[in-house]
C-alpha cells in the first residue's frame, strides 16, 4: 500500500496526463474503491461500470485535487461513493439503505486479520478511537452509502449536524492516521 504522500504525488502526476502514474494510482486504489462501490450497489455489473466512470472522473479532475483539504484516497472514495449512490438512486431495485443497520463494526477472521495491510490496521485503529455513534455514522455513510439526509433521519438529527459529525470524524481519522 502506498503512503498518502505517494498518492498525492501520483494524483499530481496524473493531473499532468501521465498514463503510467494513472496505472499505478489505479493499481494502488482499485480494491478499496471497488469495495465501496460493490457494497453500495450489490451488483458486480453495475459496480464495474461505476468503477470505470470513477477512474475517468479521477483522470479528468486530478488537477482539482487539493491535499490540504483531504487525503487522496478520501477524495477518490468520495467520487466513487457519489457515483455509486447516483446509480443506486436511478435503479429502483437497489435499496441503498438496506443492510446498513447490520454493520456495527468491521468483522475480520483471525486469518484475514494477519493478512491486513498496515494501512488498514491503522485505519481500523483510528475508527476504534471514534465515539461509537461516530463510528456507526462513518460506516453507514462510507460503506453503506447512506446520504446525509438518510443519516439525519436515522440519527434523528438535522442534516447540518450530520454533516458536522461526518466532517469532524473524518478530520479525527486523518489526524490519527498522520500521527
Foldseek 3Di string as FASTA:
>chain_A
DDDLVLLLVLLVVLQVVDPVSLVVNCVVQVVVLLQQLCLQQVDPVVSVVLSVVLSVVSSVCSVVDDVVQAGNNVVSLVSSLVSSVVVQVVDPVRDLQPPLVVDQADDDDPVVVVVDDPLVVLLSVLLVPDDSVLSSLCCCCRRSPDDLVRVCVVVVHDSVVSVVSPVVSRVSSVVSSVD
